[in-house]
Amino acid sequence: AGNPNYALIQREHDYSPRNSFRLWTETVLNKSKPWGTYQIAAAKAMQSILVNKQLDILLEKQVLIDSLTGLYNRRTLIKTITTEISRVTRAKKQLAILMLDIDFFKKINDKFGHSAGDMVLTRVSEVFKKTLRTYDYAYRYGGEEFLIILSDVTLNDVTHKSNQILQQI
């Protein structure tokens, strides 16, 4: 950053660093001055708040979502079905509620074990997720029972969607 032989420049009665230092700058990223007690305490408080928020989100998910299938659970169904019925009634739209049950599911569990049964439940739920519209709802109602709510549909739409689900499964 300049000629070291001219490290100081004499001005009238004092000396100053060489002029070449004025041109030299350094940008430092992701560094801070050392933190004091207050900043450390504030950071720890923020960390605690964020961890608690993450736990709240996880707990809410566990309360509303079936852990095996990833579908809404029965508790969520009870909370949302009344709202959905009110919404379509107010909008004068049609609503379909499909109840689905996997035939002979007990035989699958008995013959191949519960892990195979879990795989069947997971695959069926994947069909629902892939086949349903983003504003339709699929719930795991009980063991191998599912409930689907289709909003704003005609009888032909429901028949077509039901057949589509059946073919995919």
C-alpha atoms as a PDB file:
ATOM      1  CA  ALA A   1       0.000   0.000   0.000  1.00  0.00           C
ATOM      2  CA  GLY A   2       2.606   2.496  -0.980  1.00  0.00           C
ATOM      3  CA  ASN A   3       6.340   3.002  -0.765  1.00  0.00           C
ATOM      4  CA  PRO A   4       7.582   2.064   2.724  1.00  0.00           C
ATOM      5  CA  ASN A   5      10.488   4.519   2.344  1.00  0.00           C
ATOM      6  CA  TYR A   6       7.989   7.338   2.599  1.00  0.00           C
ATOM      7  CA  ALA A   7       6.029   6.125   5.630  1.00  0.00           C
ATOM      8  CA  LEU A   8       5.496   9.554   7.113  1.00  0.00           C
ATOM      9  CA  ILE A   9       4.738  12.830   5.466  1.00  0.00           C
ATOM     10  CA  GLN A  10       5.851  15.995   7.213  1.00  0.00           C
ATOM     11  CA  ARG A  11       3.363  18.803   7.293  1.00  0.00           C
ATOM     12  CA  GLU A  12       4.148  22.147   8.791  1.00  0.00           C
ATOM     13  CA  HIS A  13       4.541  21.135  12.449  1.00  0.00           C
ATOM     14  CA  ASP A  14       3.465  17.480  12.557  1.00  0.00           C
ATOM     15  CA  TYR A  15       3.610  14.184  10.746  1.00  0.00           C
ATOM     16  CA  SER A  16       0.813  12.108   9.186  1.00  0.00           C
ATOM     17  CA  PRO A  17       0.684   8.608   7.652  1.00  0.00           C
ATOM     18  CA  ARG A  18       1.523   8.365   3.997  1.00  0.00           C
ATOM     19  CA  ASN A  19      -1.255   9.289   1.589  1.00  0.00           C
ATOM     20  CA  SER A  20      -1.409   5.815   0.062  1.00  0.00           C
ATOM     21  CA  PHE A  21      -3.260   4.580   3.194  1.00  0.00           C
ATOM     22  CA  ARG A  22      -6.261   6.732   2.278  1.00  0.00           C
ATOM     23  CA  LEU A  23      -6.807   4.574  -0.801  1.00  0.00           C
ATOM     24  CA  TRP A  24      -6.618   1.297   1.073  1.00  0.00           C
ATOM     25  CA  THR A  25      -9.835   0.039   2.643  1.00  0.00           C
ATOM     26  CA  GLU A  26     -10.987  -3.348   3.858  1.00  0.00           C
ATOM     27  CA  THR A  27     -14.529  -4.648   4.036  1.00  0.00           C
ATOM     28  CA  VAL A  28     -15.048  -7.284   6.704  1.00  0.00           C
ATOM     29  CA  LEU A  29     -18.223  -9.378   6.554  1.00  0.00           C
ATOM     30  CA  ASN A  30     -19.849 -11.557   9.211  1.00  0.00           C
ATOM     31  CA  LYS A  31     -17.758 -10.142  12.023  1.00  0.00           C
ATOM     32  CA  SER A  32     -18.820  -7.996  14.898  1.00  0.00           C
ATOM     33  CA  LYS A  33     -17.220  -6.178  17.723  1.00  0.00           C
ATOM     34  CA  PRO A  34     -16.966  -8.335  20.846  1.00  0.00           C
ATOM     35  CA  TRP A  35     -20.351  -8.682  22.500  1.00  0.00           C
ATOM     36  CA  GLY A  36     -21.021  -7.370  25.930  1.00  0.00           C
ATOM     37  CA  THR A  37     -23.147  -8.934  28.658  1.00  0.00           C
ATOM     38  CA  TYR A  38     -26.295  -7.191  27.411  1.00  0.00           C
ATOM     39  CA  GLN A  39     -25.908  -8.399  23.807  1.00  0.00           C
ATOM     40  CA  ILE A  40     -25.212 -11.980  24.926  1.00  0.00           C
ATOM     41  CA  ALA A  41     -28.284 -11.971  27.177  1.00  0.00           C
ATOM     42  CA  ALA A  42     -30.432 -10.568  24.335  1.00  0.00           C
ATOM     43  CA  ALA A  43     -29.136 -13.223  21.909  1.00  0.00           C
ATOM     44  CA  LYS A  44     -29.889 -16.002  24.394  1.00  0.00           C
ATOM     45  CA  ALA A  45     -33.398 -14.624  24.918  1.00  0.00           C
ATOM     46  CA  MET A  46     -33.982 -14.545  21.132  1.00  0.00           C
ATOM     47  CA  GLN A  47     -32.683 -18.111  20.855  1.00  0.00           C
ATOM     48  CA  SER A  48     -35.102 -19.223  23.544  1.00  0.00           C
ATOM     49  CA  ILE A  49     -38.014 -17.500  21.782  1.00  0.00           C
ATOM     50  CA  LEU A  50     -37.146 -19.129  18.440  1.00  0.00           C
ATOM     51  CA  VAL A  51     -36.739 -22.595  19.974  1.00  0.00           C
ATOM     52  CA  ASN A  52     -40.105 -22.231  21.729  1.00  0.00           C
ATOM     53  CA  LYS A  53     -41.741 -21.125  18.460  1.00  0.00           C
ATOM     54  CA  GLN A  54     -40.304 -24.176  16.675  1.00  0.00           C
ATOM     55  CA  LEU A  55     -41.641 -26.417  19.432  1.00  0.00           C
ATOM     56  CA  ASP A  56     -45.072 -24.747  19.176  1.00  0.00           C
ATOM     57  CA  ILE A  57     -45.146 -25.408  15.420  1.00  0.00           C
ATOM     58  CA  LEU A  58     -44.092 -29.020  15.917  1.00  0.00           C
ATOM     59  CA  LEU A  59     -46.683 -29.559  18.653  1.00  0.00           C
ATOM     60  CA  GLU A  60     -49.444 -28.008  16.546  1.00  0.00           C
ATOM     61  CA  LYS A  61     -48.476 -30.272  13.645  1.00  0.00           C
ATOM     62  CA  GLN A  62     -48.560 -33.313  15.918  1.00  0.00           C
ATOM     63  CA  VAL A  63     -52.003 -32.340  17.174  1.00  0.00           C
ATOM     64  CA  LEU A  64     -53.491 -31.733  13.692  1.00  0.00           C
ATOM     65  CA  ILE A  65     -51.663 -34.217  11.434  1.00  0.00           C
ATOM     66  CA  ASP A  66     -51.594 -38.003  11.511  1.00  0.00           C
ATOM     67  CA  SER A  67     -47.935 -38.922  11.989  1.00  0.00           C
ATOM     68  CA  LEU A  68     -48.026 -42.039   9.791  1.00  0.00           C
ATOM     69  CA  THR A  69     -49.886 -40.766   6.731  1.00  0.00           C
ATOM     70  CA  GLY A  70     -49.288 -37.023   6.890  1.00  0.00           C
ATOM     71  CA  LEU A  71     -53.026 -36.473   6.411  1.00  0.00           C
ATOM     72  CA  TYR A  72     -55.157 -34.410   8.724  1.00  0.00           C
ATOM     73  CA  ASN A  73     -56.360 -36.397  11.716  1.00  0.00           C
ATOM     74  CA  ARG A  74     -59.815 -36.892  13.202  1.00  0.00           C
ATOM     75  CA  ARG A  75     -59.336 -34.007  15.642  1.00  0.00           C
ATOM     76  CA  THR A  76     -58.760 -31.648  12.707  1.00  0.00           C
ATOM     77  CA  LEU A  77     -61.813 -33.052  10.919  1.00  0.00           C
ATOM     78  CA  ILE A  78     -64.021 -32.194  13.868  1.00  0.00           C
ATOM     79  CA  LYS A  79     -62.645 -28.652  13.886  1.00  0.00           C
ATOM     80  CA  THR A  80     -62.960 -28.020  10.140  1.00  0.00           C
ATOM     81  CA  ILE A  81     -66.066 -29.843   8.958  1.00  0.00           C
ATOM     82  CA  THR A  82     -68.474 -27.363  10.543  1.00  0.00           C
ATOM     83  CA  THR A  83     -66.557 -24.470   9.002  1.00  0.00           C
ATOM     84  CA  GLU A  84     -66.595 -26.098   5.568  1.00  0.00           C
ATOM     85  CA  ILE A  85     -70.324 -26.813   5.732  1.00  0.00           C
ATOM     86  CA  SER A  86     -71.019 -23.206   6.766  1.00  0.00           C
ATOM     87  CA  ARG A  87     -68.785 -21.878   3.985  1.00  0.00           C
ATOM     88  CA  VAL A  88     -70.452 -23.837   1.174  1.00  0.00           C
ATOM     89  CA  THR A  89     -73.918 -23.122   2.574  1.00  0.00           C
ATOM     90  CA  ARG A  90     -73.194 -19.383   2.628  1.00  0.00           C
ATOM     91  CA  ALA A  91     -71.709 -19.503  -0.897  1.00  0.00           C
ATOM     92  CA  LYS A  92     -74.567 -21.751  -2.120  1.00  0.00           C
ATOM     93  CA  LYS A  93     -72.031 -24.326  -3.336  1.00  0.00           C
ATOM     94  CA  GLN A  94     -72.017 -28.107  -3.189  1.00  0.00           C
ATOM     95  CA  LEU A  95     -69.958 -30.198  -0.774  1.00  0.00           C
ATOM     96  CA  ALA A  96     -69.169 -33.908  -0.941  1.00  0.00           C
ATOM     97  CA  ILE A  97     -67.956 -36.046   1.924  1.00  0.00           C
ATOM     98  CA  LEU A  98     -66.430 -39.377   0.938  1.00  0.00           C
ATOM     99  CA  MET A  99     -65.883 -42.122   3.461  1.00  0.00           C
ATOM    100  CA  LEU A 100     -63.289 -44.690   2.387  1.00  0.00           C
ATOM    101  CA  ASP A 101     -62.256 -47.921   4.015  1.00  0.00           C
ATOM    102  CA  ILE A 102     -59.529 -50.353   2.944  1.00  0.00           C
ATOM    103  CA  ASP A 103     -61.181 -53.737   2.438  1.00  0.00           C
ATOM    104  CA  PHE A 104     -59.622 -56.706   4.225  1.00  0.00           C
ATOM    105  CA  PHE A 105     -57.022 -54.512   5.931  1.00  0.00           C
ATOM    106  CA  LYS A 106     -56.915 -56.795   8.974  1.00  0.00           C
ATOM    107  CA  LYS A 107     -55.846 -59.651   6.706  1.00  0.00           C
ATOM    108  CA  ILE A 108     -52.927 -57.531   5.446  1.00  0.00           C
ATOM    109  CA  ASN A 109     -51.774 -56.870   9.004  1.00  0.00           C
ATOM    110  CA  ASP A 110     -52.280 -60.502  10.047  1.00  0.00           C
ATOM    111  CA  LYS A 111     -50.504 -62.023   7.068  1.00  0.00           C
ATOM    112  CA  PHE A 112     -47.691 -59.498   6.430  1.00  0.00           C
ATOM    113  CA  GLY A 113     -47.375 -57.641   9.737  1.00  0.00           C
ATOM    114  CA  HIS A 114     -48.139 -54.112  10.896  1.00  0.00           C
ATOM    115  CA  SER A 115     -45.203 -52.566   9.053  1.00  0.00           C
ATOM    116  CA  ALA A 116     -46.739 -53.779   5.774  1.00  0.00           C
ATOM    117  CA  GLY A 117     -50.097 -52.394   6.901  1.00  0.00           C
ATOM    118  CA  ASP A 118     -48.429 -49.061   7.650  1.00  0.00           C
ATOM    119  CA  MET A 119     -46.936 -49.068   4.159  1.00  0.00           C
ATOM    120  CA  VAL A 120     -50.383 -49.630   2.637  1.00  0.00           C
ATOM    121  CA  LEU A 121     -51.834 -46.741   4.665  1.00  0.00           C
ATOM    122  CA  THR A 122     -48.957 -44.495   3.593  1.00  0.00           C
ATOM    123  CA  ARG A 123     -49.364 -45.393  -0.085  1.00  0.00           C
ATOM    124  CA  VAL A 124     -53.116 -44.777   0.023  1.00  0.00           C
ATOM    125  CA  SER A 125     -52.556 -41.374   1.611  1.00  0.00           C
ATOM    126  CA  GLU A 126     -50.025 -40.553  -1.148  1.00  0.00           C
ATOM    127  CA  VAL A 127     -52.728 -41.278  -3.725  1.00  0.00           C
ATOM    128  CA  PHE A 128     -55.032 -38.802  -1.980  1.00  0.00           C
ATOM    129  CA  LYS A 129     -52.340 -36.122  -1.863  1.00  0.00           C
ATOM    130  CA  LYS A 130     -51.536 -36.602  -5.541  1.00  0.00           C
ATOM    131  CA  THR A 131     -55.141 -36.824  -6.744  1.00  0.00           C
ATOM    132  CA  LEU A 132     -56.978 -34.201  -4.695  1.00  0.00           C
ATOM    133  CA  ARG A 133     -57.081 -30.501  -5.419  1.00  0.00           C
ATOM    134  CA  THR A 134     -55.171 -28.143  -3.114  1.00  0.00           C
ATOM    135  CA  TYR A 135     -58.402 -26.958  -1.486  1.00  0.00           C
ATOM    136  CA  ASP A 136     -59.807 -30.443  -0.829  1.00  0.00           C
ATOM    137  CA  TYR A 137     -59.228 -32.128   2.523  1.00  0.00           C
ATOM    138  CA  ALA A 138     -58.187 -35.702   3.293  1.00  0.00           C
ATOM    139  CA  TYR A 139     -58.327 -37.095   6.824  1.00  0.00           C
ATOM    140  CA  ARG A 140     -57.311 -40.321   8.460  1.00  0.00           C
ATOM    141  CA  TYR A 141     -60.518 -40.992  10.326  1.00  0.00           C
ATOM    142  CA  GLY A 142     -59.537 -44.203  12.064  1.00  0.00           C
ATOM    143  CA  GLY A 143     -57.295 -47.229  11.559  1.00  0.00           C
ATOM    144  CA  GLU A 144     -57.888 -47.862   7.848  1.00  0.00           C
ATOM    145  CA  GLU A 145     -60.738 -45.386   7.421  1.00  0.00           C
ATOM    146  CA  PHE A 146     -60.362 -42.126   5.573  1.00  0.00           C
ATOM    147  CA  LEU A 147     -62.648 -39.188   4.989  1.00  0.00           C
ATOM    148  CA  ILE A 148     -62.340 -36.733   2.107  1.00  0.00           C
ATOM    149  CA  ILE A 149     -64.096 -33.391   1.771  1.00  0.00           C
ATOM    150  CA  LEU A 150     -64.537 -32.075  -1.764  1.00  0.00           C
ATOM    151  CA  SER A 151     -65.775 -28.490  -2.005  1.00  0.00           C
ATOM    152  CA  ASP A 152     -67.566 -26.767  -4.852  1.00  0.00           C
ATOM    153  CA  VAL A 153     -68.306 -29.954  -6.820  1.00  0.00           C
ATOM    154  CA  THR A 154     -71.070 -31.484  -8.875  1.00  0.00           C
ATOM    155  CA  LEU A 155     -72.214 -35.072  -8.638  1.00  0.00           C
ATOM    156  CA  ASN A 156     -70.288 -35.788 -11.857  1.00  0.00           C
ATOM    157  CA  ASP A 157     -67.127 -34.263 -10.322  1.00  0.00           C
ATOM    158  CA  VAL A 158     -67.480 -36.455  -7.238  1.00  0.00           C
ATOM    159  CA  THR A 159     -68.072 -39.582  -9.313  1.00  0.00           C
ATOM    160  CA  HIS A 160     -65.054 -38.814 -11.509  1.00  0.00           C
ATOM    161  CA  LYS A 161     -62.790 -38.056  -8.512  1.00  0.00           C
ATOM    162  CA  SER A 162     -63.938 -41.197  -6.671  1.00  0.00           C
ATOM    163  CA  ASN A 163     -63.209 -43.365  -9.696  1.00  0.00           C
ATOM    164  CA  GLN A 164     -59.851 -41.663 -10.184  1.00  0.00           C
ATOM    165  CA  ILE A 165     -58.872 -42.398  -6.559  1.00  0.00           C
ATOM    166  CA  LEU A 166     -60.060 -45.997  -6.850  1.00  0.00           C
ATOM    167  CA  GLN A 167     -58.070 -46.554 -10.061  1.00  0.00           C
ATOM    168  CA  GLN A 168     -54.921 -45.052  -8.516  1.00  0.00           C
ATOM    169  CA  ILE A 169     -55.197 -47.262  -5.438  1.00  0.00           C
END
